C-alpha atoms as a PDB file:
ATOM      1  CA  MET A   1     -73.598 261.390 250.952  1.00  0.00           C
ATOM      2  CA  MET A   2     -74.825 261.790 247.402  1.00  0.00           C
ATOM      3  CA  ILE A   3     -73.342 264.509 245.246  1.00  0.00           C
ATOM      4  CA  PRO A   4     -75.609 265.907 242.538  1.00  0.00           C
ATOM      5  CA  SER A   5     -74.296 265.480 239.027  1.00  0.00           C
ATOM      6  CA  GLY A   6     -74.775 267.827 236.117  1.00  0.00           C
ATOM      7  CA  SER A   7     -77.740 267.311 233.859  1.00  0.00           C
ATOM      8  CA  GLN A   8     -77.172 266.067 230.366  1.00  0.00           C
ATOM      9  CA  THR A   9     -79.288 266.216 227.271  1.00  0.00           C
ATOM     10  CA  VAL A  10     -79.384 263.855 224.350  1.00  0.00           C
ATOM     11  CA  GLY A  11     -79.131 264.865 220.746  1.00  0.00           C
ATOM     12  CA  PRO A  12     -79.209 266.628 218.498  1.00  0.00           C
ATOM     13  CA  PHE A  13     -81.106 263.959 216.616  1.00  0.00           C
ATOM     14  CA  PHE A  14     -84.303 265.644 215.491  1.00  0.00           C
ATOM     15  CA  ASN A  15     -83.565 265.280 211.795  1.00  0.00           C
ATOM     16  CA  TYR A  16     -83.206 261.525 212.144  1.00  0.00           C
ATOM     17  CA  ALA A  17     -86.631 260.358 210.910  1.00  0.00           C
ATOM     18  CA  LEU A  18     -88.575 262.911 212.985  1.00  0.00           C
ATOM     19  CA  THR A  19     -88.460 265.862 210.593  1.00  0.00           C
ATOM     20  CA  THR A  20     -87.418 264.385 207.265  1.00  0.00           C
ATOM     21  CA  ASN A  21     -90.976 264.707 205.906  1.00  0.00           C
ATOM     22  CA  GLU A  22     -91.209 268.403 204.941  1.00  0.00           C
ATOM     23  CA  SER A  23     -94.919 268.011 204.189  1.00  0.00           C
ATOM     24  CA  LEU A  24     -95.455 268.036 207.975  1.00  0.00           C
ATOM     25  CA  GLY A  25     -94.990 271.807 207.718  1.00  0.00           C
ATOM     26  CA  VAL A  26     -97.940 272.207 205.349  1.00  0.00           C
ATOM     27  CA  LEU A  27    -101.291 271.882 207.102  1.00  0.00           C
ATOM     28  CA  THR A  28    -103.376 273.414 204.294  1.00  0.00           C
ATOM     29  CA  ARG A  29    -105.091 271.474 201.525  1.00  0.00           C
ATOM     30  CA  ALA A  30    -106.942 272.523 198.380  1.00  0.00           C
ATOM     31  CA  GLY A  31    -110.562 273.304 199.191  1.00  0.00           C
ATOM     32  CA  LEU A  32    -109.925 273.791 202.907  1.00  0.00           C
ATOM     33  CA  ALA A  33    -111.998 276.597 204.463  1.00  0.00           C
ATOM     34  CA  GLY A  34    -110.179 279.335 206.342  1.00  0.00           C
ATOM     35  CA  GLU A  35    -107.690 282.160 206.069  1.00  0.00           C
ATOM     36  CA  ARG A  36    -104.345 280.811 204.922  1.00  0.00           C
ATOM     37  CA  ILE A  37    -101.386 281.993 206.985  1.00  0.00           C
ATOM     38  CA  ARG A  38     -97.669 281.334 207.232  1.00  0.00           C
ATOM     39  CA  VAL A  39     -96.283 281.074 210.750  1.00  0.00           C
ATOM     40  CA  GLN A  40     -92.538 281.399 211.227  1.00  0.00           C
ATOM     41  CA  PHE A  41     -90.804 280.429 214.453  1.00  0.00           C
ATOM     42  CA  ARG A  42     -87.240 281.289 215.425  1.00  0.00           C
ATOM     43  CA  VAL A  43     -85.593 279.422 218.290  1.00  0.00           C
ATOM     44  CA  THR A  44     -82.711 281.108 220.090  1.00  0.00           C
ATOM     45  CA  ASP A  45     -80.577 280.149 223.048  1.00  0.00           C
ATOM     46  CA  GLY A  46     -80.251 282.099 226.298  1.00  0.00           C
ATOM     47  CA  ASP A  47     -77.813 284.534 224.654  1.00  0.00           C
ATOM     48  CA  GLY A  48     -80.172 285.222 221.742  1.00  0.00           C
ATOM     49  CA  ALA A  49     -78.139 283.205 219.223  1.00  0.00           C
ATOM     50  CA  PRO A  50     -80.096 280.964 216.816  1.00  0.00           C
ATOM     51  CA  THR A  51     -80.149 277.213 217.393  1.00  0.00           C
ATOM     52  CA  PRO A  52     -79.095 276.152 213.881  1.00  0.00           C
ATOM     53  CA  ALA A  53     -80.757 272.955 212.639  1.00  0.00           C
ATOM     54  CA  ASP A  54     -80.830 271.795 216.228  1.00  0.00           C
ATOM     55  CA  SER A  55     -84.394 272.366 217.378  1.00  0.00           C
ATOM     56  CA  MET A  56     -87.791 270.996 216.478  1.00  0.00           C
ATOM     57  CA  ILE A  57     -91.180 272.710 216.625  1.00  0.00           C
ATOM     58  CA  GLU A  58     -94.495 270.876 216.755  1.00  0.00           C
ATOM     59  CA  ILE A  59     -97.834 272.627 216.406  1.00  0.00           C
ATOM     60  CA  TRP A  60    -101.389 271.470 217.069  1.00  0.00           C
ATOM     61  CA  GLN A  61    -104.406 273.604 216.301  1.00  0.00           C
ATOM     62  CA  ALA A  62    -108.136 273.776 215.664  1.00  0.00           C
ATOM     63  CA  ASP A  63    -109.571 274.365 212.208  1.00  0.00           C
ATOM     64  CA  SER A  64    -111.138 277.663 211.119  1.00  0.00           C
ATOM     65  CA  ALA A  65    -114.426 276.684 212.812  1.00  0.00           C
ATOM     66  CA  GLY A  66    -112.706 276.121 216.172  1.00  0.00           C
ATOM     67  CA  GLN A  67    -112.917 272.321 216.027  1.00  0.00           C
ATOM     68  CA  TYR A  68    -109.975 270.037 216.692  1.00  0.00           C
ATOM     69  CA  PRO A  69    -109.654 267.661 213.761  1.00  0.00           C
ATOM     70  CA  THR A  70    -110.870 264.100 213.880  1.00  0.00           C
ATOM     71  CA  GLY A  71    -110.088 263.358 210.244  1.00  0.00           C
ATOM     72  CA  GLY A  72    -110.911 264.890 206.908  1.00  0.00           C
ATOM     73  CA  MET A  73    -109.077 267.592 204.991  1.00  0.00           C
ATOM     74  CA  PHE A  74    -107.360 269.256 207.964  1.00  0.00           C
ATOM     75  CA  HIS A  75    -105.207 267.272 210.373  1.00  0.00           C
ATOM     76  CA  GLY A  76    -104.142 270.188 212.613  1.00  0.00           C
ATOM     77  CA  PHE A  77    -100.647 268.843 213.352  1.00  0.00           C
ATOM     78  CA  GLY A  78     -97.269 270.002 212.073  1.00  0.00           C
ATOM     79  CA  ARG A  79     -93.616 269.274 212.835  1.00  0.00           C
ATOM     80  CA  LEU A  80     -90.449 270.898 211.473  1.00  0.00           C
ATOM     81  CA  GLU A  81     -86.815 271.229 212.427  1.00  0.00           C
ATOM     82  CA  THR A  82     -85.179 274.635 212.474  1.00  0.00           C
ATOM     83  CA  ASP A  83     -82.847 275.696 209.679  1.00  0.00           C
ATOM     84  CA  LEU A  84     -79.341 277.158 210.009  1.00  0.00           C
ATOM     85  CA  ASP A  85     -80.857 280.449 211.225  1.00  0.00           C
ATOM     86  CA  GLY A  86     -82.930 278.670 213.878  1.00  0.00           C
ATOM     87  CA  THR A  87     -86.180 279.211 211.956  1.00  0.00           C
ATOM     88  CA  CYS A  88     -88.952 277.092 210.482  1.00  0.00           C
ATOM     89  CA  THR A  89     -92.145 278.108 208.679  1.00  0.00           C
ATOM     90  CA  PHE A  90     -95.532 276.387 208.703  1.00  0.00           C
ATOM     91  CA  GLU A  91     -98.278 276.897 206.133  1.00  0.00           C
ATOM     92  CA  THR A  92    -101.636 276.602 207.845  1.00  0.00           C
ATOM     93  CA  ILE A  93    -104.958 278.351 208.424  1.00  0.00           C
ATOM     94  CA  LYS A  94    -105.905 280.762 211.163  1.00  0.00           C
ATOM     95  CA  PRO A  95    -107.713 278.688 213.797  1.00  0.00           C
ATOM     96  CA  GLY A  96    -111.139 279.611 215.064  1.00  0.00           C
ATOM     97  CA  SER A  97    -112.109 280.206 218.692  1.00  0.00           C
ATOM     98  CA  VAL A  98    -112.312 277.081 220.847  1.00  0.00           C
ATOM     99  CA  ALA A  99    -114.744 276.955 223.810  1.00  0.00           C
ATOM    100  CA  GLY A 100    -114.193 280.416 225.290  1.00  0.00           C
ATOM    101  CA  GLN A 101    -110.578 280.665 224.140  1.00  0.00           C
ATOM    102  CA  ALA A 102    -109.219 283.064 221.553  1.00  0.00           C
ATOM    103  CA  PRO A 103    -107.847 281.584 218.325  1.00  0.00           C
ATOM    104  CA  HIS A 104    -104.431 280.122 219.110  1.00  0.00           C
ATOM    105  CA  ILE A 105    -101.888 277.547 218.011  1.00  0.00           C
ATOM    106  CA  ASN A 106    -100.439 275.139 220.575  1.00  0.00           C
ATOM    107  CA  VAL A 107     -96.655 274.964 220.274  1.00  0.00           C
ATOM    108  CA  ILE A 108     -94.108 272.459 221.591  1.00  0.00           C
ATOM    109  CA  VAL A 109     -90.387 273.311 221.458  1.00  0.00           C
ATOM    110  CA  PHE A 110     -87.696 270.614 221.542  1.00  0.00           C
ATOM    111  CA  ALA A 111     -84.048 271.718 221.613  1.00  0.00           C
ATOM    112  CA  ARG A 112     -80.612 270.745 222.810  1.00  0.00           C
ATOM    113  CA  GLY A 113     -80.129 272.018 226.339  1.00  0.00           C
ATOM    114  CA  LEU A 114     -83.751 271.412 227.310  1.00  0.00           C
ATOM    115  CA  LEU A 115     -84.234 268.449 229.592  1.00  0.00           C
ATOM    116  CA  LYS A 116     -87.966 268.578 228.898  1.00  0.00           C
ATOM    117  CA  HIS A 117     -89.762 270.034 225.931  1.00  0.00           C
ATOM    118  CA  LEU A 118     -91.568 273.349 226.361  1.00  0.00           C
ATOM    119  CA  PHE A 119     -95.284 273.932 225.814  1.00  0.00           C
ATOM    120  CA  THR A 120     -96.684 277.324 224.895  1.00  0.00           C
ATOM    121  CA  ARG A 121     -99.319 279.001 222.741  1.00  0.00           C
ATOM    122  CA  LEU A 122     -99.272 281.443 219.885  1.00  0.00           C
ATOM    123  CA  TYR A 123    -102.075 284.029 219.790  1.00  0.00           C
ATOM    124  CA  PHE A 124    -102.961 286.612 217.135  1.00  0.00           C
ATOM    125  CA  SER A 125    -102.374 290.161 218.344  1.00  0.00           C
ATOM    126  CA  SER A 126    -105.306 291.792 216.544  1.00  0.00           C
ATOM    127  CA  ASP A 127    -107.940 289.284 217.669  1.00  0.00           C
ATOM    128  CA  PRO A 128    -110.575 290.873 219.964  1.00  0.00           C
ATOM    129  CA  ALA A 129    -111.228 287.483 221.613  1.00  0.00           C
ATOM    130  CA  ASN A 130    -107.821 287.738 223.351  1.00  0.00           C
ATOM    131  CA  ALA A 131    -109.369 289.947 226.043  1.00  0.00           C
ATOM    132  CA  GLU A 132    -111.697 287.119 227.114  1.00  0.00           C
ATOM    133  CA  ASP A 133    -109.314 284.149 226.763  1.00  0.00           C
ATOM    134  CA  THR A 134    -109.183 282.277 230.076  1.00  0.00           C
ATOM    135  CA  VAL A 135    -105.677 280.887 229.550  1.00  0.00           C
ATOM    136  CA  LEU A 136    -104.127 284.063 228.158  1.00  0.00           C
ATOM    137  CA  ASN A 137    -105.511 286.038 231.103  1.00  0.00           C
ATOM    138  CA  LEU A 138    -103.480 283.849 233.479  1.00  0.00           C
ATOM    139  CA  ILE A 139    -100.330 285.465 232.038  1.00  0.00           C
ATOM    140  CA  PRO A 140     -99.244 288.788 233.579  1.00  0.00           C
ATOM    141  CA  GLU A 141    -100.365 291.550 231.226  1.00  0.00           C
ATOM    142  CA  ALA A 142     -96.802 292.816 230.718  1.00  0.00           C
ATOM    143  CA  ARG A 143     -95.758 289.350 229.371  1.00  0.00           C
ATOM    144  CA  ARG A 144     -98.741 288.599 227.102  1.00  0.00           C
ATOM    145  CA  ASN A 145     -97.068 290.243 224.108  1.00  0.00           C
ATOM    146  CA  THR A 146     -94.473 287.428 224.143  1.00  0.00           C
ATOM    147  CA  LEU A 147     -97.217 285.027 222.997  1.00  0.00           C
ATOM    148  CA  MET A 148     -98.494 287.207 220.135  1.00  0.00           C
ATOM    149  CA  ALA A 149     -97.852 286.575 216.448  1.00  0.00           C
ATOM    150  CA  ARG A 150     -96.726 289.661 214.549  1.00  0.00           C
ATOM    151  CA  ASN A 151     -97.427 290.387 210.892  1.00  0.00           C
ATOM    152  CA  LEU A 152     -94.221 290.687 208.914  1.00  0.00           C
END
């Protein structure tokens, strides 16, 4: 008879060569078209406490015209570790609509305690295209606000 054993995660090790390049948090460049925005993430544990310098966020997004980058001035990818308050801030541009989807930023969360990284999206609460987004409409209406960026 086999007895299940407890799961175990590895890390924390995100700051070892994965997030040491702070420029990975700056997706904007001089002369780049689009509305410049700052997006701040805060990672907390199940009790709501921050995960200090122990999590990593990756983002991937389209440019302001709704095109995923294939080179040029905008690379569309960012990666940062969280600070002591569990936060990190990206400087980017607001993405455009992509093939019937509202403007959004794809987000991947890596953290101690997660056996697999988490994938989600960040939408913009005031965007009228949200009502027609095929992916967002798969989420129960009462939970959609958990995917919305708020202006601070």
